[in-house]
């Protein structure tokens, strides 16, 4: 199963998330982010509109993932090089693999990465 992991700023819109998702490949059954972000209105609205299941990932699970990209901001805020990549990997389960490094929306408000595995 394909999981889309997302990182996004507080000012992100559903259009920001949709753009990042399309740039990443636009296919996933599960959307994941940090537990606190996964309950945000913009994320829930986007996932509902895409008929995707939402998973929130704990800080410990995010920090345990090895990401392909390294963002200083993400490292400082989330203890991981990429929230999108870490969320996708953690939610896709043990042995999951990233399909590609994370991509950034045109407005730079959201990131998305896809991972393949067996979701938790």
PDB file of N, CA and C in Angstrom:
ATOM      1  N   UNK A   1       0.841  -1.172   0.000  1.00  0.00           N
ATOM      2  CA  UNK A   1       0.000   0.000   0.000  1.00  0.00           C
ATOM      3  C   UNK A   1       0.894   1.245   0.000  1.00  0.00           C
ATOM      4  N   UNK A   2       0.429   2.285  -0.647  1.00  0.00           N
ATOM      5  CA  UNK A   2       1.157   3.547  -0.720  1.00  0.00           C
ATOM      6  C   UNK A   2       0.630   4.493   0.356  1.00  0.00           C
ATOM      7  N   UNK A   3       1.567   5.095   1.095  1.00  0.00           N
ATOM      8  CA  UNK A   3       1.242   6.089   2.118  1.00  0.00           C
ATOM      9  C   UNK A   3       1.865   7.412   1.700  1.00  0.00           C
ATOM     10  N   UNK A   4       1.092   8.487   1.779  1.00  0.00           N
ATOM     11  CA  UNK A   4       1.607   9.830   1.530  1.00  0.00           C
ATOM     12  C   UNK A   4       1.866  10.496   2.871  1.00  0.00           C
ATOM     13  N   UNK A   5       3.096  10.910   3.079  1.00  0.00           N
ATOM     14  CA  UNK A   5       3.451  11.655   4.283  1.00  0.00           C
ATOM     15  C   UNK A   5       3.491  13.135   3.960  1.00  0.00           C
ATOM     16  N   UNK A   6       3.035  13.947   4.894  1.00  0.00           N
ATOM     17  CA  UNK A   6       2.963  15.389   4.672  1.00  0.00           C
ATOM     18  C   UNK A   6       3.616  16.164   5.804  1.00  0.00           C
ATOM     19  N   UNK A   7       4.265  17.243   5.420  1.00  0.00           N
ATOM     20  CA  UNK A   7       4.692  18.281   6.335  1.00  0.00           C
ATOM     21  C   UNK A   7       4.089  19.565   5.802  1.00  0.00           C
ATOM     22  N   UNK A   8       3.681  20.447   6.679  1.00  0.00           N
ATOM     23  CA  UNK A   8       3.083  21.690   6.185  1.00  0.00           C
ATOM     24  C   UNK A   8       3.097  22.767   7.255  1.00  0.00           C
ATOM     25  N   UNK A   9       3.117  23.997   6.793  1.00  0.00           N
ATOM     26  CA  UNK A   9       3.099  25.160   7.678  1.00  0.00           C
ATOM     27  C   UNK A   9       1.670  25.448   8.122  1.00  0.00           C
ATOM     28  N   UNK A  10       1.542  26.212   9.186  1.00  0.00           N
ATOM     29  CA  UNK A  10       0.222  26.558   9.717  1.00  0.00           C
ATOM     30  C   UNK A  10      -0.617  27.305   8.683  1.00  0.00           C
ATOM     31  N   UNK A  11       0.020  28.048   7.794  1.00  0.00           N
ATOM     32  CA  UNK A  11      -0.699  28.826   6.783  1.00  0.00           C
ATOM     33  C   UNK A  11      -1.027  28.024   5.525  1.00  0.00           C
ATOM     34  N   UNK A  12      -0.681  26.750   5.494  1.00  0.00           N
ATOM     35  CA  UNK A  12      -0.961  25.924   4.311  1.00  0.00           C
ATOM     36  C   UNK A  12      -2.461  25.802   4.081  1.00  0.00           C
ATOM     37  N   UNK A  13      -2.830  25.658   2.821  1.00  0.00           N
ATOM     38  CA  UNK A  13      -4.227  25.471   2.433  1.00  0.00           C
ATOM     39  C   UNK A  13      -4.395  24.071   1.848  1.00  0.00           C
ATOM     40  N   UNK A  14      -5.640  23.698   1.596  1.00  0.00           N
ATOM     41  CA  UNK A  14      -5.860  22.408   0.937  1.00  0.00           C
ATOM     42  C   UNK A  14      -5.216  22.414  -0.450  1.00  0.00           C
ATOM     43  N   UNK A  15      -5.170  23.574  -1.096  1.00  0.00           N
ATOM     44  CA  UNK A  15      -4.510  23.674  -2.405  1.00  0.00           C
ATOM     45  C   UNK A  15      -3.006  23.417  -2.272  1.00  0.00           C
ATOM     46  N   UNK A  16      -2.396  23.883  -1.187  1.00  0.00           N
ATOM     47  CA  UNK A  16      -0.971  23.617  -0.936  1.00  0.00           C
ATOM     48  C   UNK A  16      -0.729  22.123  -0.816  1.00  0.00           C
ATOM     49  N   UNK A  17      -1.556  21.458  -0.020  1.00  0.00           N
ATOM     50  CA  UNK A  17      -1.424  20.020   0.184  1.00  0.00           C
ATOM     51  C   UNK A  17      -1.669  19.261  -1.117  1.00  0.00           C
ATOM     52  N   UNK A  18      -2.687  19.670  -1.857  1.00  0.00           N
ATOM     53  CA  UNK A  18      -3.012  19.006  -3.125  1.00  0.00           C
ATOM     54  C   UNK A  18      -1.872  19.153  -4.127  1.00  0.00           C
ATOM     55  N   UNK A  19      -1.269  20.331  -4.184  1.00  0.00           N
ATOM     56  CA  UNK A  19      -0.162  20.551  -5.109  1.00  0.00           C
ATOM     57  C   UNK A  19       1.028  19.662  -4.742  1.00  0.00           C
ATOM     58  N   UNK A  20       1.376  19.614  -3.471  1.00  0.00           N
ATOM     59  CA  UNK A  20       2.488  18.756  -3.040  1.00  0.00           C
ATOM     60  C   UNK A  20       2.187  17.293  -3.357  1.00  0.00           C
ATOM     61  N   UNK A  21       0.966  16.867  -3.100  1.00  0.00           N
ATOM     62  CA  UNK A  21       0.564  15.483  -3.358  1.00  0.00           C
ATOM     63  C   UNK A  21       0.675  15.153  -4.846  1.00  0.00           C
ATOM     64  N   UNK A  22       0.191  16.036  -5.698  1.00  0.00           N
ATOM     65  CA  UNK A  22       0.274  15.805  -7.144  1.00  0.00           C
ATOM     66  C   UNK A  22       1.726  15.761  -7.614  1.00  0.00           C
ATOM     67  N   UNK A  23       2.559  16.644  -7.090  1.00  0.00           N
ATOM     68  CA  UNK A  23       3.974  16.664  -7.462  1.00  0.00           C
ATOM     69  C   UNK A  23       4.686  15.381  -7.027  1.00  0.00           C
ATOM     70  N   UNK A  24       4.201  14.767  -5.937  1.00  0.00           N
ATOM     71  CA  UNK A  24       4.807  13.528  -5.435  1.00  0.00           C
ATOM     72  C   UNK A  24       4.347  12.302  -6.214  1.00  0.00           C
ATOM     73  N   UNK A  25       3.289  12.440  -6.962  1.00  0.00           N
ATOM     74  CA  UNK A  25       2.791  11.299  -7.732  1.00  0.00           C
ATOM     75  C   UNK A  25       1.291  11.139  -7.667  1.00  0.00           C
ATOM     76  N   UNK A  26       0.666  11.748  -6.668  1.00  0.00           N
ATOM     77  CA  UNK A  26      -0.790  11.797  -6.606  1.00  0.00           C
ATOM     78  C   UNK A  26      -1.509  10.487  -6.404  1.00  0.00           C
ATOM     79  N   UNK A  27      -0.859   9.519  -5.746  1.00  0.00           N
ATOM     80  CA  UNK A  27      -1.579   8.273  -5.479  1.00  0.00           C
ATOM     81  C   UNK A  27      -1.201   7.758  -4.096  1.00  0.00           C
ATOM     82  N   UNK A  28      -2.203   7.554  -3.271  1.00  0.00           N
ATOM     83  CA  UNK A  28      -2.016   6.986  -1.931  1.00  0.00           C
ATOM     84  C   UNK A  28      -3.387   6.735  -1.322  1.00  0.00           C
ATOM     85  N   UNK A  29      -3.466   5.709  -0.509  1.00  0.00           N
ATOM     86  CA  UNK A  29      -4.710   5.372   0.183  1.00  0.00           C
ATOM     87  C   UNK A  29      -4.722   5.927   1.602  1.00  0.00           C
ATOM     88  N   UNK A  30      -3.527   6.213   2.123  1.00  0.00           N
ATOM     89  CA  UNK A  30      -3.371   6.682   3.499  1.00  0.00           C
ATOM     90  C   UNK A  30      -2.561   7.969   3.479  1.00  0.00           C
ATOM     91  N   UNK A  31      -2.999   8.963   4.258  1.00  0.00           N
ATOM     92  CA  UNK A  31      -2.266  10.214   4.430  1.00  0.00           C
ATOM     93  C   UNK A  31      -1.779  10.271   5.872  1.00  0.00           C
ATOM     94  N   UNK A  32      -0.513  10.609   6.064  1.00  0.00           N
ATOM     95  CA  UNK A  32       0.064  10.650   7.402  1.00  0.00           C
ATOM     96  C   UNK A  32       0.828  11.946   7.624  1.00  0.00           C
ATOM     97  N   UNK A  33       0.864  12.363   8.879  1.00  0.00           N
ATOM     98  CA  UNK A  33       1.678  13.498   9.299  1.00  0.00           C
ATOM     99  C   UNK A  33       1.940  13.339  10.787  1.00  0.00           C
ATOM    100  N   UNK A  34       2.629  14.297  11.358  1.00  0.00           N
ATOM    101  CA  UNK A  34       2.824  14.293  12.804  1.00  0.00           C
ATOM    102  C   UNK A  34       1.453  14.280  13.474  1.00  0.00           C
ATOM    103  N   UNK A  35       1.363  13.639  14.620  1.00  0.00           N
ATOM    104  CA  UNK A  35       0.072  13.482  15.295  1.00  0.00           C
ATOM    105  C   UNK A  35      -0.654  14.813  15.478  1.00  0.00           C
ATOM    106  N   UNK A  36       0.064  15.866  15.847  1.00  0.00           N
ATOM    107  CA  UNK A  36      -0.591  17.159  16.059  1.00  0.00           C
ATOM    108  C   UNK A  36      -1.067  17.778  14.749  1.00  0.00           C
ATOM    109  N   UNK A  37      -0.364  17.551  13.663  1.00  0.00           N
ATOM    110  CA  UNK A  37      -0.780  18.100  12.372  1.00  0.00           C
ATOM    111  C   UNK A  37      -1.897  17.285  11.726  1.00  0.00           C
ATOM    112  N   UNK A  38      -1.915  15.990  12.003  1.00  0.00           N
ATOM    113  CA  UNK A  38      -2.912  15.101  11.389  1.00  0.00           C
ATOM    114  C   UNK A  38      -4.331  15.416  11.837  1.00  0.00           C
ATOM    115  N   UNK A  39      -4.479  16.162  12.915  1.00  0.00           N
ATOM    116  CA  UNK A  39      -5.814  16.529  13.401  1.00  0.00           C
ATOM    117  C   UNK A  39      -6.207  17.953  13.009  1.00  0.00           C
ATOM    118  N   UNK A  40      -5.345  18.628  12.249  1.00  0.00           N
ATOM    119  CA  UNK A  40      -5.664  20.004  11.848  1.00  0.00           C
ATOM    120  C   UNK A  40      -6.796  20.009  10.824  1.00  0.00           C
ATOM    121  N   UNK A  41      -7.559  21.076  10.831  1.00  0.00           N
ATOM    122  CA  UNK A  41      -8.710  21.189   9.932  1.00  0.00           C
ATOM    123  C   UNK A  41      -8.293  21.074   8.467  1.00  0.00           C
ATOM    124  N   UNK A  42      -7.230  21.760   8.075  1.00  0.00           N
ATOM    125  CA  UNK A  42      -6.815  21.735   6.672  1.00  0.00           C
ATOM    126  C   UNK A  42      -6.435  20.315   6.240  1.00  0.00           C
ATOM    127  N   UNK A  43      -5.764  19.569   7.110  1.00  0.00           N
ATOM    128  CA  UNK A  43      -5.349  18.210   6.755  1.00  0.00           C
ATOM    129  C   UNK A  43      -6.546  17.273   6.683  1.00  0.00           C
ATOM    130  N   UNK A  44      -7.433  17.375   7.661  1.00  0.00           N
ATOM    131  CA  UNK A  44      -8.645  16.539   7.664  1.00  0.00           C
ATOM    132  C   UNK A  44      -9.507  16.857   6.443  1.00  0.00           C
ATOM    133  N   UNK A  45      -9.682  18.142   6.141  1.00  0.00           N
ATOM    134  CA  UNK A  45     -10.483  18.529   4.971  1.00  0.00           C
ATOM    135  C   UNK A  45      -9.878  17.975   3.681  1.00  0.00           C
ATOM    136  N   UNK A  46      -8.564  18.080   3.537  1.00  0.00           N
ATOM    137  CA  UNK A  46      -7.897  17.568   2.341  1.00  0.00           C
ATOM    138  C   UNK A  46      -8.053  16.055   2.240  1.00  0.00           C
ATOM    139  N   UNK A  47      -7.774  15.352   3.314  1.00  0.00           N
ATOM    140  CA  UNK A  47      -7.866  13.885   3.302  1.00  0.00           C
ATOM    141  C   UNK A  47      -9.290  13.421   3.026  1.00  0.00           C
ATOM    142  N   UNK A  48     -10.258  14.081   3.630  1.00  0.00           N
ATOM    143  CA  UNK A  48     -11.662  13.724   3.408  1.00  0.00           C
ATOM    144  C   UNK A  48     -12.029  13.916   1.941  1.00  0.00           C
ATOM    145  N   UNK A  49     -11.599  15.025   1.360  1.00  0.00           N
ATOM    146  CA  UNK A  49     -11.871  15.293  -0.046  1.00  0.00           C
ATOM    147  C   UNK A  49     -11.224  14.289  -0.987  1.00  0.00           C
ATOM    148  N   UNK A  50     -10.135  13.681  -0.538  1.00  0.00           N
ATOM    149  CA  UNK A  50      -9.421  12.688  -1.351  1.00  0.00           C
ATOM    150  C   UNK A  50      -9.815  11.263  -0.969  1.00  0.00           C
ATOM    151  N   UNK A  51     -10.736  11.120  -0.034  1.00  0.00           N
ATOM    152  CA  UNK A  51     -11.201   9.814   0.446  1.00  0.00           C
ATOM    153  C   UNK A  51     -10.041   8.952   0.955  1.00  0.00           C
ATOM    154  N   UNK A  52      -9.145   9.591   1.701  1.00  0.00           N
ATOM    155  CA  UNK A  52      -7.973   8.897   2.241  1.00  0.00           C
ATOM    156  C   UNK A  52      -8.112   8.711   3.747  1.00  0.00           C
ATOM    157  N   UNK A  53      -7.528   7.642   4.246  1.00  0.00           N
ATOM    158  CA  UNK A  53      -7.470   7.389   5.681  1.00  0.00           C
ATOM    159  C   UNK A  53      -6.347   8.244   6.261  1.00  0.00           C
ATOM    160  N   UNK A  54      -6.541   8.795   7.453  1.00  0.00           N
ATOM    161  CA  UNK A  54      -5.557   9.656   8.100  1.00  0.00           C
ATOM    162  C   UNK A  54      -4.886   8.914   9.249  1.00  0.00           C
ATOM    163  N   UNK A  55      -3.556   9.022   9.308  1.00  0.00           N
ATOM    164  CA  UNK A  55      -2.791   8.482  10.429  1.00  0.00           C
ATOM    165  C   UNK A  55      -1.917   9.582  11.013  1.00  0.00           C
ATOM    166  N   UNK A  56      -1.951   9.723  12.329  1.00  0.00           N
ATOM    167  CA  UNK A  56      -1.053  10.623  13.036  1.00  0.00           C
ATOM    168  C   UNK A  56       0.124   9.825  13.569  1.00  0.00           C
ATOM    169  N   UNK A  57       1.319  10.341  13.399  1.00  0.00           N
ATOM    170  CA  UNK A  57       2.539   9.635  13.794  1.00  0.00           C
ATOM    171  C   UNK A  57       3.146  10.317  15.021  1.00  0.00           C
ATOM    172  N   UNK A  58       3.537   9.522  15.999  1.00  0.00           N
ATOM    173  CA  UNK A  58       4.104  10.052  17.241  1.00  0.00           C
ATOM    174  C   UNK A  58       5.501  10.627  17.009  1.00  0.00           C
ATOM    175  N   UNK A  59       5.911  11.546  17.876  1.00  0.00           N
ATOM    176  CA  UNK A  59       7.258  12.110  17.743  1.00  0.00           C
ATOM    177  C   UNK A  59       8.365  11.054  17.773  1.00  0.00           C
ATOM    178  N   UNK A  60       8.247  10.052  18.635  1.00  0.00           N
ATOM    179  CA  UNK A  60       9.269   9.001  18.700  1.00  0.00           C
ATOM    180  C   UNK A  60       9.354   8.218  17.395  1.00  0.00           C
ATOM    181  N   UNK A  61       8.205   7.928  16.798  1.00  0.00           N
ATOM    182  CA  UNK A  61       8.193   7.196  15.525  1.00  0.00           C
ATOM    183  C   UNK A  61       8.786   8.032  14.398  1.00  0.00           C
ATOM    184  N   UNK A  62       8.515   9.329  14.408  1.00  0.00           N
ATOM    185  CA  UNK A  62       9.104  10.214  13.396  1.00  0.00           C
ATOM    186  C   UNK A  62      10.623  10.242  13.530  1.00  0.00           C
ATOM    187  N   UNK A  63      11.100  10.415  14.751  1.00  0.00           N
ATOM    188  CA  UNK A  63      12.540  10.535  14.994  1.00  0.00           C
ATOM    189  C   UNK A  63      13.297   9.252  14.651  1.00  0.00           C
ATOM    190  N   UNK A  64      12.621   8.121  14.683  1.00  0.00           N
ATOM    191  CA  UNK A  64      13.276   6.835  14.411  1.00  0.00           C
ATOM    192  C   UNK A  64      13.504   6.569  12.924  1.00  0.00           C
ATOM    193  N   UNK A  65      12.927   7.381  12.050  1.00  0.00           N
ATOM    194  CA  UNK A  65      13.015   7.138  10.603  1.00  0.00           C
ATOM    195  C   UNK A  65      14.267   7.767  10.011  1.00  0.00           C
ATOM    196  N   UNK A  66      14.842   7.090   9.037  1.00  0.00           N
ATOM    197  CA  UNK A  66      15.982   7.626   8.286  1.00  0.00           C
ATOM    198  C   UNK A  66      15.441   8.252   7.006  1.00  0.00           C
ATOM    199  N   UNK A  67      15.613   9.547   6.873  1.00  0.00           N
ATOM    200  CA  UNK A  67      15.066  10.270   5.724  1.00  0.00           C
ATOM    201  C   UNK A  67      16.142  10.521   4.668  1.00  0.00           C
ATOM    202  N   UNK A  68      15.692  10.712   3.437  1.00  0.00           N
ATOM    203  CA  UNK A  68      16.609  10.992   2.330  1.00  0.00           C
ATOM    204  C   UNK A  68      17.055  12.444   2.314  1.00  0.00           C
ATOM    205  N   UNK A  69      16.169  13.343   2.741  1.00  0.00           N
ATOM    206  CA  UNK A  69      16.498  14.768   2.723  1.00  0.00           C
ATOM    207  C   UNK A  69      16.666  15.273   4.151  1.00  0.00           C
ATOM    208  N   UNK A  70      17.371  16.392   4.265  1.00  0.00           N
ATOM    209  CA  UNK A  70      17.665  16.965   5.578  1.00  0.00           C
ATOM    210  C   UNK A  70      17.321  18.450   5.583  1.00  0.00           C
ATOM    211  N   UNK A  71      16.262  18.795   6.278  1.00  0.00           N
ATOM    212  CA  UNK A  71      15.869  20.185   6.464  1.00  0.00           C
ATOM    213  C   UNK A  71      16.257  20.599   7.883  1.00  0.00           C
ATOM    214  N   UNK A  72      16.991  21.696   7.987  1.00  0.00           N
ATOM    215  CA  UNK A  72      17.379  22.176   9.319  1.00  0.00           C
ATOM    216  C   UNK A  72      16.151  22.541  10.141  1.00  0.00           C
ATOM    217  N   UNK A  73      15.155  23.138   9.493  1.00  0.00           N
ATOM    218  CA  UNK A  73      13.929  23.516  10.206  1.00  0.00           C
ATOM    219  C   UNK A  73      13.197  22.282  10.719  1.00  0.00           C
ATOM    220  N   UNK A  74      13.093  21.260   9.892  1.00  0.00           N
ATOM    221  CA  UNK A  74      12.421  20.031  10.307  1.00  0.00           C
ATOM    222  C   UNK A  74      13.200  19.338  11.422  1.00  0.00           C
ATOM    223  N   UNK A  75      14.514  19.329  11.305  1.00  0.00           N
ATOM    224  CA  UNK A  75      15.346  18.704  12.332  1.00  0.00           C
ATOM    225  C   UNK A  75      15.146  19.401  13.675  1.00  0.00           C
ATOM    226  N   UNK A  76      15.114  20.724  13.659  1.00  0.00           N
ATOM    227  CA  UNK A  76      14.948  21.484  14.896  1.00  0.00           C
ATOM    228  C   UNK A  76      13.555  21.308  15.493  1.00  0.00           C
ATOM    229  N   UNK A  77      12.545  21.305  14.649  1.00  0.00           N
ATOM    230  CA  UNK A  77      11.163  21.238  15.136  1.00  0.00           C
ATOM    231  C   UNK A  77      10.689  19.828  15.432  1.00  0.00           C
ATOM    232  N   UNK A  78      11.153  18.841  14.648  1.00  0.00           N
ATOM    233  CA  UNK A  78      10.576  17.490  14.715  1.00  0.00           C
ATOM    234  C   UNK A  78      11.588  16.374  14.949  1.00  0.00           C
ATOM    235  N   UNK A  79      12.855  16.727  15.081  1.00  0.00           N
ATOM    236  CA  UNK A  79      13.913  15.734  15.295  1.00  0.00           C
ATOM    237  C   UNK A  79      13.995  14.731  14.145  1.00  0.00           C
ATOM    238  N   UNK A  80      13.731  15.216  12.935  1.00  0.00           N
ATOM    239  CA  UNK A  80      13.854  14.395  11.727  1.00  0.00           C
ATOM    240  C   UNK A  80      14.220  15.300  10.559  1.00  0.00           C
ATOM    241  N   UNK A  81      14.905  14.750   9.583  1.00  0.00           N
ATOM    242  CA  UNK A  81      15.328  15.540   8.434  1.00  0.00           C
ATOM    243  C   UNK A  81      14.200  15.985   7.535  1.00  0.00           C
ATOM    244  N   UNK A  82      13.103  15.229   7.519  1.00  0.00           N
ATOM    245  CA  UNK A  82      11.941  15.567   6.695  1.00  0.00           C
ATOM    246  C   UNK A  82      10.694  14.997   7.343  1.00  0.00           C
ATOM    247  N   UNK A  83       9.785  15.861   7.749  1.00  0.00           N
ATOM    248  CA  UNK A  83       8.537  15.392   8.344  1.00  0.00           C
ATOM    249  C   UNK A  83       7.756  14.549   7.347  1.00  0.00           C
ATOM    250  N   UNK A  84       7.680  14.981   6.100  1.00  0.00           N
ATOM    251  CA  UNK A  84       6.912  14.236   5.095  1.00  0.00           C
ATOM    252  C   UNK A  84       7.470  12.829   4.910  1.00  0.00           C
ATOM    253  N   UNK A  85       8.781  12.719   4.751  1.00  0.00           N
ATOM    254  CA  UNK A  85       9.398  11.409   4.551  1.00  0.00           C
ATOM    255  C   UNK A  85       9.255  10.529   5.786  1.00  0.00           C
ATOM    256  N   UNK A  86       9.514  11.088   6.960  1.00  0.00           N
ATOM    257  CA  UNK A  86       9.423  10.314   8.200  1.00  0.00           C
ATOM    258  C   UNK A  86       7.999   9.841   8.454  1.00  0.00           C
ATOM    259  N   UNK A  87       7.016  10.702   8.207  1.00  0.00           N
ATOM    260  CA  UNK A  87       5.614  10.315   8.414  1.00  0.00           C
ATOM    261  C   UNK A  87       5.217   9.197   7.457  1.00  0.00           C
ATOM    262  N   UNK A  88       5.624   9.314   6.202  1.00  0.00           N
ATOM    263  CA  UNK A  88       5.297   8.274   5.218  1.00  0.00           C
ATOM    264  C   UNK A  88       5.915   6.940   5.618  1.00  0.00           C
ATOM    265  N   UNK A  89       7.184   6.955   5.985  1.00  0.00           N
ATOM    266  CA  UNK A  89       7.873   5.722   6.368  1.00  0.00           C
ATOM    267  C   UNK A  89       7.271   5.098   7.621  1.00  0.00           C
ATOM    268  N   UNK A  90       7.053   5.913   8.646  1.00  0.00           N
ATOM    269  CA  UNK A  90       6.513   5.390   9.905  1.00  0.00           C
ATOM    270  C   UNK A  90       5.127   4.797   9.702  1.00  0.00           C
ATOM    271  N   UNK A  91       4.283   5.503   8.970  1.00  0.00           N
ATOM    272  CA  UNK A  91       2.906   5.030   8.764  1.00  0.00           C
ATOM    273  C   UNK A  91       2.846   3.817   7.846  1.00  0.00           C
ATOM    274  N   UNK A  92       3.816   3.676   6.953  1.00  0.00           N
ATOM    275  CA  UNK A  92       3.820   2.542   6.025  1.00  0.00           C
ATOM    276  C   UNK A  92       4.329   1.259   6.673  1.00  0.00           C
ATOM    277  N   UNK A  93       4.836   1.354   7.883  1.00  0.00           N
ATOM    278  CA  UNK A  93       5.198   0.163   8.640  1.00  0.00           C
ATOM    279  C   UNK A  93       6.633  -0.285   8.465  1.00  0.00           C
ATOM    280  N   UNK A  94       7.020  -1.294   9.260  1.00  0.00           N
ATOM    281  CA  UNK A  94       8.398  -1.800   9.219  1.00  0.00           C
ATOM    282  C   UNK A  94       8.785  -2.254   7.807  1.00  0.00           C
ATOM    283  N   UNK A  95       9.985  -1.887   7.413  1.00  0.00           N
ATOM    284  CA  UNK A  95      10.473  -2.283   6.096  1.00  0.00           C
ATOM    285  C   UNK A  95       9.988  -1.412   4.956  1.00  0.00           C
ATOM    286  N   UNK A  96       9.246  -0.348   5.264  1.00  0.00           N
ATOM    287  CA  UNK A  96       8.735   0.543   4.212  1.00  0.00           C
ATOM    288  C   UNK A  96       9.889   1.212   3.473  1.00  0.00           C
ATOM    289  N   UNK A  97       9.629   1.558   2.228  1.00  0.00           N
ATOM    290  CA  UNK A  97      10.631   2.223   1.395  1.00  0.00           C
ATOM    291  C   UNK A  97      10.028   3.476   0.771  1.00  0.00           C
ATOM    292  N   UNK A  98      10.808   4.556   0.777  1.00  0.00           N
ATOM    293  CA  UNK A  98      10.381   5.772   0.088  1.00  0.00           C
ATOM    294  C   UNK A  98      10.434   5.543  -1.411  1.00  0.00           C
ATOM    295  N   UNK A  99       9.440   6.063  -2.119  1.00  0.00           N
ATOM    296  CA  UNK A  99       9.436   5.970  -3.576  1.00  0.00           C
ATOM    297  C   UNK A  99      10.329   7.035  -4.196  1.00  0.00           C
ATOM    298  N   UNK A 100      10.528   8.140  -3.472  1.00  0.00           N
ATOM    299  CA  UNK A 100      11.375   9.246  -3.926  1.00  0.00           C
ATOM    300  C   UNK A 100      11.532  10.221  -2.760  1.00  0.00           C
ATOM    301  N   UNK A 101      12.497  11.135  -2.842  1.00  0.00           N
ATOM    302  CA  UNK A 101      12.590  12.174  -1.812  1.00  0.00           C
ATOM    303  C   UNK A 101      11.341  13.052  -1.813  1.00  0.00           C
ATOM    304  N   UNK A 102      11.121  13.744  -0.733  1.00  0.00           N
ATOM    305  CA  UNK A 102       9.953  14.622  -0.612  1.00  0.00           C
ATOM    306  C   UNK A 102       9.983  15.723  -1.664  1.00  0.00           C
ATOM    307  N   UNK A 103       8.794  16.201  -2.004  1.00  0.00           N
ATOM    308  CA  UNK A 103       8.652  17.324  -2.930  1.00  0.00           C
ATOM    309  C   UNK A 103       7.983  18.472  -2.190  1.00  0.00           C
ATOM    310  N   UNK A 104       8.135  19.670  -2.734  1.00  0.00           N
ATOM    311  CA  UNK A 104       7.618  20.876  -2.096  1.00  0.00           C
ATOM    312  C   UNK A 104       6.562  21.502  -2.996  1.00  0.00           C
ATOM    313  N   UNK A 105       5.476  21.970  -2.394  1.00  0.00           N
ATOM    314  CA  UNK A 105       4.421  22.642  -3.161  1.00  0.00           C
ATOM    315  C   UNK A 105       4.956  23.945  -3.751  1.00  0.00           C
ATOM    316  N   UNK A 106       4.310  24.421  -4.799  1.00  0.00           N
ATOM    317  CA  UNK A 106       4.743  25.648  -5.474  1.00  0.00           C
ATOM    318  C   UNK A 106       4.756  26.842  -4.527  1.00  0.00           C
ATOM    319  N   UNK A 107       3.820  26.882  -3.582  1.00  0.00           N
ATOM    320  CA  UNK A 107       3.775  28.003  -2.639  1.00  0.00           C
ATOM    321  C   UNK A 107       4.701  27.795  -1.439  1.00  0.00           C
ATOM    322  N   UNK A 108       5.414  26.663  -1.410  1.00  0.00           N
ATOM    323  CA  UNK A 108       6.383  26.319  -0.366  1.00  0.00           C
ATOM    324  C   UNK A 108       5.749  26.162   1.015  1.00  0.00           C
ATOM    325  N   UNK A 109       4.461  25.875   1.046  1.00  0.00           N
ATOM    326  CA  UNK A 109       3.738  25.703   2.309  1.00  0.00           C
ATOM    327  C   UNK A 109       3.594  24.242   2.721  1.00  0.00           C
ATOM    328  N   UNK A 110       3.834  23.304   1.805  1.00  0.00           N
ATOM    329  CA  UNK A 110       3.622  21.884   2.108  1.00  0.00           C
ATOM    330  C   UNK A 110       4.666  21.023   1.414  1.00  0.00           C
ATOM    331  N   UNK A 111       4.960  19.891   2.050  1.00  0.00           N
ATOM    332  CA  UNK A 111       5.830  18.881   1.452  1.00  0.00           C
ATOM    333  C   UNK A 111       5.099  17.551   1.472  1.00  0.00           C
ATOM    334  N   UNK A 112       5.468  16.678   0.553  1.00  0.00           N
ATOM    335  CA  UNK A 112       4.846  15.357   0.485  1.00  0.00           C
ATOM    336  C   UNK A 112       5.879  14.342   0.017  1.00  0.00           C
ATOM    337  N   UNK A 113       5.815  13.157   0.604  1.00  0.00           N
ATOM    338  CA  UNK A 113       6.645  12.031   0.183  1.00  0.00           C
ATOM    339  C   UNK A 113       5.785  10.780   0.204  1.00  0.00           C
ATOM    340  N   UNK A 114       6.047   9.869  -0.715  1.00  0.00           N
ATOM    341  CA  UNK A 114       5.310   8.612  -0.786  1.00  0.00           C
ATOM    342  C   UNK A 114       6.207   7.459  -0.356  1.00  0.00           C
ATOM    343  N   UNK A 115       5.631   6.555   0.435  1.00  0.00           N
ATOM    344  CA  UNK A 115       6.341   5.343   0.850  1.00  0.00           C
ATOM    345  C   UNK A 115       5.442   4.150   0.593  1.00  0.00           C
ATOM    346  N   UNK A 116       6.067   3.012   0.338  1.00  0.00           N
ATOM    347  CA  UNK A 116       5.317   1.783   0.104  1.00  0.00           C
ATOM    348  C   UNK A 116       5.607   0.803   1.231  1.00  0.00           C
ATOM    349  N   UNK A 117       4.540   0.186   1.728  1.00  0.00           N
ATOM    350  CA  UNK A 117       4.678  -0.790   2.804  1.00  0.00           C
ATOM    351  C   UNK A 117       3.316  -1.268   3.259  1.00  0.00           C
ATOM    352  N   UNK A 118       3.266  -1.815   4.456  1.00  0.00           N
ATOM    353  CA  UNK A 118       2.019  -2.266   5.072  1.00  0.00           C
ATOM    354  C   UNK A 118       1.709  -1.335   6.227  1.00  0.00           C
ATOM    355  N   UNK A 119       0.758  -0.398   6.037  1.00  0.00           N
ATOM    356  CA  UNK A 119       0.485   0.625   7.046  1.00  0.00           C
ATOM    357  C   UNK A 119       0.148   0.049   8.416  1.00  0.00           C
ATOM    358  N   UNK A 120       0.528   0.830   9.419  1.00  0.00           N
ATOM    359  CA  UNK A 120       0.243   0.463  10.803  1.00  0.00           C
ATOM    360  C   UNK A 120      -1.229   0.631  11.108  1.00  0.00           C
TER     361      UNK A 120
END
